[in-house]
């Protein structure tokens, strides 16, 4: 009798990378669109999610600094550049 639990586990493991890439793409789209719509609070929230996912990506830290400047928080912005 086949071990269905093992089969399901292997299948889900194979899909984790796909789900992570999709999640990253969705957040990236939000990061690009929200500033264009002057949704600075939403952009900051999206950037925080992106940074939590990949804290070593300096592009998102710099973009976060720009968003903080737009929100009138220049002192906070400086720590992100």
N, C-alpha and C. Protein backbone atom coordinates (compact mmCIF):
# COMPACT_ATOMS: atom_id res chain seq x y z
N UNK A 1 0.84 -1.18 0.00
CA UNK A 1 0.00 0.00 0.00
C UNK A 1 0.89 1.24 0.00
N UNK A 2 0.64 2.21 -0.90
CA UNK A 2 1.48 3.41 -0.97
C UNK A 2 1.29 4.32 0.24
N UNK A 3 2.34 5.01 0.57
CA UNK A 3 2.29 5.96 1.68
C UNK A 3 1.87 7.32 1.11
N UNK A 4 0.57 7.61 1.18
CA UNK A 4 0.05 8.84 0.60
C UNK A 4 0.55 10.08 1.34
N UNK A 5 0.77 9.97 2.62
CA UNK A 5 1.29 11.10 3.38
C UNK A 5 2.65 11.53 2.85
N UNK A 6 3.50 10.54 2.53
CA UNK A 6 4.82 10.84 2.00
C UNK A 6 4.70 11.48 0.62
N UNK A 7 3.78 11.00 -0.20
CA UNK A 7 3.56 11.56 -1.54
C UNK A 7 3.10 13.01 -1.45
N UNK A 8 2.17 13.26 -0.57
CA UNK A 8 1.65 14.62 -0.38
C UNK A 8 2.76 15.53 0.13
N UNK A 9 3.53 15.05 1.06
CA UNK A 9 4.62 15.84 1.61
C UNK A 9 5.64 16.22 0.54
N UNK A 10 6.02 15.26 -0.30
CA UNK A 10 6.97 15.55 -1.39
C UNK A 10 6.37 16.54 -2.38
N UNK A 11 5.10 16.41 -2.69
CA UNK A 11 4.44 17.32 -3.63
C UNK A 11 4.45 18.75 -3.06
N UNK A 12 4.06 18.88 -1.80
CA UNK A 12 4.03 20.22 -1.19
C UNK A 12 5.42 20.82 -1.11
N UNK A 13 6.41 20.01 -0.78
CA UNK A 13 7.79 20.50 -0.75
C UNK A 13 8.21 21.03 -2.11
N UNK A 14 7.78 20.38 -3.17
CA UNK A 14 8.15 20.81 -4.52
C UNK A 14 7.47 22.12 -4.91
N UNK A 15 6.39 22.47 -4.25
CA UNK A 15 5.63 23.68 -4.59
C UNK A 15 6.00 24.89 -3.74
N UNK A 16 6.75 24.71 -2.69
CA UNK A 16 7.09 25.81 -1.80
C UNK A 16 7.84 26.91 -2.54
N UNK A 17 8.78 26.55 -3.38
CA UNK A 17 9.52 27.55 -4.16
C UNK A 17 8.61 28.33 -5.08
N UNK A 18 7.66 27.65 -5.70
CA UNK A 18 6.71 28.33 -6.58
C UNK A 18 5.86 29.33 -5.79
N UNK A 19 5.42 28.93 -4.62
CA UNK A 19 4.59 29.81 -3.79
C UNK A 19 5.40 31.02 -3.32
N UNK A 20 6.64 30.82 -2.95
CA UNK A 20 7.49 31.93 -2.51
C UNK A 20 7.71 32.92 -3.65
N UNK A 21 7.94 32.41 -4.85
CA UNK A 21 8.14 33.30 -6.00
C UNK A 21 6.87 34.08 -6.31
N UNK A 22 5.73 33.45 -6.22
CA UNK A 22 4.46 34.12 -6.46
C UNK A 22 4.22 35.20 -5.41
N UNK A 23 4.49 34.89 -4.16
CA UNK A 23 4.33 35.85 -3.07
C UNK A 23 5.24 37.06 -3.30
N UNK A 24 6.48 36.80 -3.67
CA UNK A 24 7.44 37.87 -3.94
C UNK A 24 6.97 38.74 -5.09
N UNK A 25 6.47 38.14 -6.15
CA UNK A 25 5.98 38.89 -7.30
C UNK A 25 4.80 39.78 -6.92
N UNK A 26 3.91 39.26 -6.10
CA UNK A 26 2.74 40.04 -5.68
C UNK A 26 3.15 41.24 -4.84
N UNK A 27 4.06 41.04 -3.91
CA UNK A 27 4.52 42.16 -3.08
C UNK A 27 5.26 43.18 -3.94
N UNK A 28 6.08 42.71 -4.87
CA UNK A 28 6.81 43.62 -5.74
C UNK A 28 5.86 44.48 -6.56
N UNK A 29 4.77 43.89 -7.05
CA UNK A 29 3.78 44.65 -7.81
C UNK A 29 3.16 45.74 -6.93
N UNK A 30 2.86 45.40 -5.69
CA UNK A 30 2.30 46.38 -4.77
C UNK A 30 3.30 47.51 -4.52
N UNK A 31 4.56 47.15 -4.32
CA UNK A 31 5.60 48.14 -4.04
C UNK A 31 5.73 49.12 -5.21
N UNK A 32 5.53 48.65 -6.42
CA UNK A 32 5.62 49.51 -7.59
C UNK A 32 4.37 50.38 -7.78
N UNK A 33 3.21 49.83 -7.51
CA UNK A 33 1.96 50.54 -7.78
C UNK A 33 1.53 51.50 -6.68
N UNK A 34 1.74 51.14 -5.45
CA UNK A 34 1.23 51.97 -4.36
C UNK A 34 1.78 53.39 -4.36
N UNK A 35 3.07 53.62 -4.57
CA UNK A 35 3.54 55.01 -4.64
C UNK A 35 2.91 55.79 -5.80
N UNK A 36 2.69 55.13 -6.92
CA UNK A 36 2.06 55.81 -8.05
C UNK A 36 0.64 56.25 -7.71
N UNK A 37 0.01 55.56 -6.78
CA UNK A 37 -1.35 55.90 -6.36
C UNK A 37 -1.35 56.76 -5.09
N UNK A 38 -0.15 57.23 -4.70
CA UNK A 38 0.03 58.02 -3.47
C UNK A 38 -0.45 57.27 -2.23
N UNK A 39 -0.38 55.96 -2.27
CA UNK A 39 -0.72 55.13 -1.11
C UNK A 39 0.57 54.85 -0.35
N UNK A 40 1.07 55.87 0.34
CA UNK A 40 2.37 55.77 1.00
C UNK A 40 2.33 54.83 2.19
N UNK A 41 1.22 54.82 2.93
CA UNK A 41 1.11 53.88 4.06
C UNK A 41 1.10 52.44 3.56
N UNK A 42 0.37 52.19 2.47
CA UNK A 42 0.34 50.85 1.89
C UNK A 42 1.69 50.44 1.35
N UNK A 43 2.39 51.42 0.73
CA UNK A 43 3.72 51.13 0.20
C UNK A 43 4.68 50.76 1.33
N UNK A 44 4.59 51.47 2.44
CA UNK A 44 5.45 51.17 3.58
C UNK A 44 5.14 49.77 4.12
N UNK A 45 3.87 49.44 4.20
CA UNK A 45 3.48 48.10 4.68
C UNK A 45 4.01 47.01 3.75
N UNK A 46 3.90 47.23 2.44
CA UNK A 46 4.39 46.25 1.47
C UNK A 46 5.91 46.13 1.54
N UNK A 47 6.59 47.26 1.67
CA UNK A 47 8.05 47.22 1.78
C UNK A 47 8.49 46.51 3.06
N UNK A 48 7.77 46.72 4.14
CA UNK A 48 8.09 46.02 5.39
C UNK A 48 7.96 44.51 5.20
N UNK A 49 6.92 44.10 4.47
CA UNK A 49 6.74 42.66 4.20
C UNK A 49 7.87 42.14 3.33
N UNK A 50 8.27 42.91 2.32
CA UNK A 50 9.34 42.49 1.43
C UNK A 50 10.66 42.39 2.19
N UNK A 51 10.93 43.37 3.04
CA UNK A 51 12.17 43.37 3.82
C UNK A 51 12.18 42.21 4.81
N UNK A 52 11.03 41.89 5.38
CA UNK A 52 10.97 40.74 6.29
C UNK A 52 11.27 39.44 5.54
N UNK A 53 10.86 39.39 4.28
CA UNK A 53 11.10 38.21 3.45
C UNK A 53 12.55 38.13 2.99
N UNK A 54 13.14 39.30 2.64
CA UNK A 54 14.52 39.34 2.13
C UNK A 54 15.23 40.58 2.67
N UNK A 55 15.71 40.54 3.91
CA UNK A 55 16.29 41.73 4.53
C UNK A 55 17.62 42.17 3.92
N UNK A 56 18.23 41.36 3.08
CA UNK A 56 19.51 41.72 2.49
C UNK A 56 19.40 42.47 1.17
N UNK A 57 18.19 42.69 0.67
CA UNK A 57 17.98 43.38 -0.60
C UNK A 57 17.97 44.89 -0.35
N UNK A 58 19.08 45.54 -0.64
CA UNK A 58 19.25 46.97 -0.34
C UNK A 58 18.30 47.86 -1.13
N UNK A 59 17.82 47.40 -2.30
CA UNK A 59 16.90 48.22 -3.10
C UNK A 59 15.62 48.53 -2.32
N UNK A 60 15.16 47.56 -1.55
CA UNK A 60 13.91 47.77 -0.82
C UNK A 60 14.11 48.67 0.40
N UNK A 61 15.28 48.61 0.99
CA UNK A 61 15.58 49.53 2.08
C UNK A 61 15.61 50.97 1.56
N UNK A 62 16.24 51.18 0.40
CA UNK A 62 16.30 52.53 -0.18
C UNK A 62 14.91 53.02 -0.54
N UNK A 63 14.11 52.15 -1.13
CA UNK A 63 12.74 52.53 -1.49
C UNK A 63 11.94 52.85 -0.22
N UNK A 64 12.20 52.10 0.84
CA UNK A 64 11.53 52.36 2.12
C UNK A 64 11.90 53.75 2.62
N UNK A 65 13.17 54.14 2.46
CA UNK A 65 13.60 55.49 2.84
C UNK A 65 12.85 56.55 2.06
N UNK A 66 12.67 56.33 0.77
CA UNK A 66 11.92 57.29 -0.06
C UNK A 66 10.47 57.41 0.42
N UNK A 67 9.87 56.28 0.73
CA UNK A 67 8.48 56.28 1.20
C UNK A 67 8.38 57.01 2.54
N UNK A 68 9.32 56.76 3.44
CA UNK A 68 9.30 57.46 4.73
C UNK A 68 9.45 58.97 4.54
N UNK A 69 10.24 59.39 3.58
CA UNK A 69 10.34 60.83 3.29
C UNK A 69 8.99 61.37 2.83
N UNK A 70 8.32 60.64 1.96
CA UNK A 70 7.00 61.06 1.49
C UNK A 70 5.99 61.14 2.62
N UNK A 71 6.17 60.31 3.63
CA UNK A 71 5.28 60.32 4.79
C UNK A 71 5.67 61.39 5.81
N UNK A 72 6.69 62.19 5.48
CA UNK A 72 7.11 63.26 6.38
C UNK A 72 7.94 62.78 7.55
N UNK A 73 8.67 61.69 7.34
CA UNK A 73 9.50 61.12 8.41
C UNK A 73 10.97 61.07 7.96
N UNK A 74 11.58 62.24 7.73
CA UNK A 74 12.95 62.26 7.19
C UNK A 74 13.99 61.63 8.09
N UNK A 75 13.83 61.75 9.40
CA UNK A 75 14.81 61.15 10.32
C UNK A 75 14.79 59.61 10.20
N UNK A 76 13.58 59.05 10.12
CA UNK A 76 13.46 57.61 9.95
C UNK A 76 13.99 57.18 8.58
N UNK A 77 13.78 58.04 7.59
CA UNK A 77 14.23 57.72 6.24
C UNK A 77 15.75 57.56 6.18
N UNK A 78 16.46 58.39 6.90
CA UNK A 78 17.93 58.34 6.86
C UNK A 78 18.50 57.00 7.27
N UNK A 79 17.84 56.32 8.17
CA UNK A 79 18.37 55.03 8.63
C UNK A 79 18.15 53.92 7.61
N UNK A 80 17.42 54.20 6.54
CA UNK A 80 17.13 53.19 5.54
C UNK A 80 18.02 53.29 4.30
N UNK A 81 18.73 54.39 4.16
CA UNK A 81 19.59 54.56 2.98
C UNK A 81 20.94 53.94 3.18
